[in-house]
Amino acid sequence: MTEPADDDVPVRDAATVALLRDGADGVEAWLLTRVAGMAFAAGMSVFPGGRVDDADAALPMTGGDVAAMAARFGADEHTMRGLLGAAARETFEETGVLVTVPAAALPDARADVEAGRVAFGDLLHEHGLAVDVAALRPWSRWVTPKGEVRRYDTRFFVGLLPEGAEAEDVTTESSTAEWLPVGVAIEQAQRGERKLLPPTLLTLAAIAGCADVAAVFSTAEQNPLEPIRPTLRTAPDGSVAAELPDGRLLAVRPGRAS
């Protein structure tokens, strides 16, 4: 269910997928750096994801337990199907990876789906594909703070790169995209070389404590999924931080140069 808004910015349902693989230096995540001109999270490194479209709930799906996922997220099954559909569609649009049964590669269709020239549901039906629900594991839930130009009630999932699939830097919404060991991404953020919003940073930090993707999936089964609602705090120098429910402050935007 969409989180009720208490300001003039509507809160929309959204889904994000931390697409993972096992690498030589531990778990790696696919991170996209959003182009500078975007209205939301410009210049930030993010996981694939986006808002739920009306058609996402009607996508063909197989495997997994949608009802159990819905219960964990405190959602109804229609909303849950929409979130899973958005997760699969956005992953395809932004990486070219299909999270489907059977496995498939349709790189030539990706741009048409992203541009809206071909409906994702039509593409799946044409090729006899269904969203692989079991491949997407609920991870966390974050609600964008009041004060942002766009607000989302985002359900985070973790997913293993399907065997034989290749993620590509293809979406028009990113300036760069790449696989990174999660620890390296965190170190880059600490040095100021990579901008990460609090949900991305904390997701990477939690994944960094896992030896492999199988351990990430085991952790996902135990994660609490209550919505996390940060509050924006602005300092005298204009810098903005997100205050988490436990009192931690995480930087969102820098202040004026001294």
Foldseek 3Di string as FASTA:
>chain_A
DFDCDPDPAGAFAKEFEQEWFADPVFIKTKWFQFDQPDQPNHRAIGGFMDGFDPCQLVAAADDDDLCVVCVLQVHDSSVSSRRLSRHQLRQCLAWQAGQKPPGDGDNVCNPCCNVVVDPPRVVCVVVVIHHYPVQWFWAEWEWEEPPGNHIYGYTYTYGYRDPPDGTDRDHPRGPDIDMDQLVVQLVCVVVVNHHHDVVRNVVSVVSNVARHVVRVRVVSVVHRHDYWYWYWDADPQGWIWTQTPVGDTHTHGDGDDD
